[in-house]
Amino acid sequence: MNSMMFTRPVYLKEKKDLIREITNLYDAIDFLEEWPERDRDIVHDATLKTCYMAHDGHKPIQVARDAIRSFGKKKGILVKAPAVLPWMIKNSSGSGRVSA
C-alpha cells in the first residue's frame, strides 16, 4: 500500500455537477494548488501547509486527510460518497459479449 494513500477518499465538489475524489496526498495537494488565487485565504493556506508537512514526513497522512476534509466542509464543497459509483453503472451499449 502506498504510504501517501488516504484510508478513505474525500469527495469534494469541483464544479456544478463534478465531484472530485481525493484518494491520496498528491490529489489533495493538486486540488489545493488548483484553487483560484482570488479565493485563497488562511484556511486554504493552513490546509496546504498541513499537506506539505505530511508529504515531508512531519505530520501523519491522516492529519492531511482530516485537513482537506475540514477545508471542504468550511468551503461548503464536501460531499458524501456518491451513492452510485461510475463502475456500478451498466453500459447501455450491450452486454460486452462477442457473437459467435
C-alpha atoms as a PDB file:
ATOM      1  CA  MET A   1       0.000   0.000   0.000  1.00  0.00           C
ATOM      2  CA  ASN A   2       1.286   3.433  -0.928  1.00  0.00           C
ATOM      3  CA  SER A   3       2.213   5.429   2.169  1.00  0.00           C
ATOM      4  CA  MET A   4       0.614   8.566   0.700  1.00  0.00           C
ATOM      5  CA  MET A   5      -2.831   6.943   0.289  1.00  0.00           C
ATOM      6  CA  PHE A   6      -5.726   8.008   2.495  1.00  0.00           C
ATOM      7  CA  THR A   7      -7.597   5.335   4.448  1.00  0.00           C
ATOM      8  CA  ARG A   8     -10.833   6.595   2.839  1.00  0.00           C
ATOM      9  CA  PRO A   9     -11.306   9.021  -0.035  1.00  0.00           C
ATOM     10  CA  VAL A  10     -12.628  12.543   0.427  1.00  0.00           C
ATOM     11  CA  TYR A  11     -15.182  13.793  -2.093  1.00  0.00           C
ATOM     12  CA  LEU A  12     -15.198  17.495  -2.979  1.00  0.00           C
ATOM     13  CA  LYS A  13     -17.488  19.341  -5.369  1.00  0.00           C
ATOM     14  CA  GLU A  14     -15.351  20.882  -8.072  1.00  0.00           C
ATOM     15  CA  LYS A  15     -17.898  22.380 -10.428  1.00  0.00           C
ATOM     16  CA  LYS A  16     -21.677  22.361 -10.648  1.00  0.00           C
ATOM     17  CA  ASP A  17     -22.073  18.633 -11.269  1.00  0.00           C
ATOM     18  CA  LEU A  18     -18.490  17.420 -10.929  1.00  0.00           C
ATOM     19  CA  ILE A  19     -17.264  15.651  -7.807  1.00  0.00           C
ATOM     20  CA  ARG A  20     -13.557  15.064  -7.352  1.00  0.00           C
ATOM     21  CA  GLU A  21     -12.350  12.019  -5.459  1.00  0.00           C
ATOM     22  CA  ILE A  22      -9.299  12.782  -3.318  1.00  0.00           C
ATOM     23  CA  THR A  23      -7.668   9.416  -2.585  1.00  0.00           C
ATOM     24  CA  ASN A  24      -4.158  10.402  -1.598  1.00  0.00           C
ATOM     25  CA  LEU A  25      -1.902  13.232  -0.532  1.00  0.00           C
ATOM     26  CA  TYR A  26      -0.917  14.095  -4.099  1.00  0.00           C
ATOM     27  CA  ASP A  27      -4.584  14.520  -5.089  1.00  0.00           C
ATOM     28  CA  ALA A  28      -5.113  16.822  -2.094  1.00  0.00           C
ATOM     29  CA  ILE A  29      -2.088  18.978  -2.937  1.00  0.00           C
ATOM     30  CA  ASP A  30      -3.117  19.189  -6.607  1.00  0.00           C
ATOM     31  CA  PHE A  31      -6.643  20.213  -5.626  1.00  0.00           C
ATOM     32  CA  LEU A  32      -5.365  22.936  -3.309  1.00  0.00           C
ATOM     33  CA  GLU A  33      -2.762  24.190  -5.806  1.00  0.00           C
ATOM     34  CA  GLU A  34      -5.500  24.498  -8.449  1.00  0.00           C
ATOM     35  CA  TRP A  35      -7.716  26.518  -6.082  1.00  0.00           C
ATOM     36  CA  PRO A  36      -8.272  30.005  -7.580  1.00  0.00           C
ATOM     37  CA  GLU A  37      -5.870  32.661  -6.251  1.00  0.00           C
ATOM     38  CA  ARG A  38      -8.725  35.093  -5.570  1.00  0.00           C
ATOM     39  CA  ASP A  39     -10.431  32.538  -3.266  1.00  0.00           C
ATOM     40  CA  ARG A  40      -7.385  31.609  -1.214  1.00  0.00           C
ATOM     41  CA  ASP A  41      -7.462  32.507   2.458  1.00  0.00           C
ATOM     42  CA  ILE A  42      -5.978  31.460   5.791  1.00  0.00           C
ATOM     43  CA  VAL A  43      -7.964  28.197   5.751  1.00  0.00           C
ATOM     44  CA  HIS A  44      -6.557  27.320   2.326  1.00  0.00           C
ATOM     45  CA  ASP A  45      -3.023  28.252   3.383  1.00  0.00           C
ATOM     46  CA  ALA A  46      -3.194  26.178   6.581  1.00  0.00           C
ATOM     47  CA  THR A  47      -4.587  23.155   4.722  1.00  0.00           C
ATOM     48  CA  LEU A  48      -1.934  23.334   2.026  1.00  0.00           C
ATOM     49  CA  LYS A  49       0.804  23.744   4.631  1.00  0.00           C
ATOM     50  CA  THR A  50      -0.502  20.702   6.521  1.00  0.00           C
ATOM     51  CA  CYS A  51      -0.463  18.626   3.325  1.00  0.00           C
ATOM     52  CA  TYR A  52       3.110  19.655   2.538  1.00  0.00           C
ATOM     53  CA  MET A  53       4.162  18.841   6.107  1.00  0.00           C
ATOM     54  CA  ALA A  54       2.620  15.370   5.721  1.00  0.00           C
ATOM     55  CA  HIS A  55       4.423  14.987   2.400  1.00  0.00           C
ATOM     56  CA  ASP A  56       7.727  15.807   4.098  1.00  0.00           C
ATOM     57  CA  GLY A  57       7.024  13.337   6.908  1.00  0.00           C
ATOM     58  CA  HIS A  58       6.410  15.930   9.627  1.00  0.00           C
ATOM     59  CA  LYS A  59       2.713  15.045  10.025  1.00  0.00           C
ATOM     60  CA  PRO A  60       0.778  11.782   9.606  1.00  0.00           C
ATOM     61  CA  ILE A  61      -1.137  11.268   6.344  1.00  0.00           C
ATOM     62  CA  GLN A  62      -4.364  11.034   8.370  1.00  0.00           C
ATOM     63  CA  VAL A  63      -3.854  14.622   9.563  1.00  0.00           C
ATOM     64  CA  ALA A  64      -3.645  15.773   5.938  1.00  0.00           C
ATOM     65  CA  ARG A  65      -6.823  13.844   5.114  1.00  0.00           C
ATOM     66  CA  ASP A  66      -8.604  15.461   8.053  1.00  0.00           C
ATOM     67  CA  ALA A  67      -7.341  18.877   6.927  1.00  0.00           C
ATOM     68  CA  ILE A  68      -8.588  18.532   3.330  1.00  0.00           C
ATOM     69  CA  ARG A  69     -11.917  17.201   4.643  1.00  0.00           C
ATOM     70  CA  SER A  70     -12.241  20.183   7.008  1.00  0.00           C
ATOM     71  CA  PHE A  71     -11.315  22.523   4.157  1.00  0.00           C
ATOM     72  CA  GLY A  72     -14.114  21.064   2.055  1.00  0.00           C
ATOM     73  CA  LYS A  73     -16.587  21.370   4.905  1.00  0.00           C
ATOM     74  CA  LYS A  74     -15.666  25.021   5.601  1.00  0.00           C
ATOM     75  CA  LYS A  75     -15.914  25.908   1.917  1.00  0.00           C
ATOM     76  CA  GLY A  76     -19.235  24.070   1.513  1.00  0.00           C
ATOM     77  CA  ILE A  77     -17.876  21.670  -1.104  1.00  0.00           C
ATOM     78  CA  LEU A  78     -17.588  18.472   0.953  1.00  0.00           C
ATOM     79  CA  VAL A  79     -19.965  15.788  -0.277  1.00  0.00           C
ATOM     80  CA  LYS A  80     -20.747  12.304   0.930  1.00  0.00           C
ATOM     81  CA  ALA A  81     -19.530   9.387  -1.115  1.00  0.00           C
ATOM     82  CA  PRO A  82     -21.592   9.112  -4.285  1.00  0.00           C
ATOM     83  CA  ALA A  83     -24.372   6.549  -3.920  1.00  0.00           C
ATOM     84  CA  VAL A  84     -23.624   5.172  -7.371  1.00  0.00           C
ATOM     85  CA  LEU A  85     -20.015   4.897  -8.403  1.00  0.00           C
ATOM     86  CA  PRO A  86     -19.154   5.059 -12.137  1.00  0.00           C
ATOM     87  CA  TRP A  87     -18.102   1.409 -12.292  1.00  0.00           C
ATOM     88  CA  MET A  88     -21.528   0.368 -10.938  1.00  0.00           C
ATOM     89  CA  ILE A  89     -23.419   1.798 -13.923  1.00  0.00           C
ATOM     90  CA  LYS A  90     -24.382  -0.716 -16.589  1.00  0.00           C
ATOM     91  CA  ASN A  91     -23.102   0.149 -20.021  1.00  0.00           C
ATOM     92  CA  SER A  92     -26.090   0.641 -22.319  1.00  0.00           C
ATOM     93  CA  SER A  93     -24.155  -0.264 -25.476  1.00  0.00           C
ATOM     94  CA  GLY A  94     -24.503  -4.013 -24.961  1.00  0.00           C
ATOM     95  CA  SER A  95     -23.541  -6.900 -22.765  1.00  0.00           C
ATOM     96  CA  GLY A  96     -19.892  -6.931 -23.772  1.00  0.00           C
ATOM     97  CA  ARG A  97     -20.186 -10.429 -25.203  1.00  0.00           C
ATOM     98  CA  VAL A  98     -18.863 -11.267 -28.615  1.00  0.00           C
ATOM     99  CA  SER A  99     -21.154 -13.071 -31.055  1.00  0.00           C
ATOM    100  CA  ALA A 100     -20.011 -16.477 -32.212  1.00  0.00           C
END
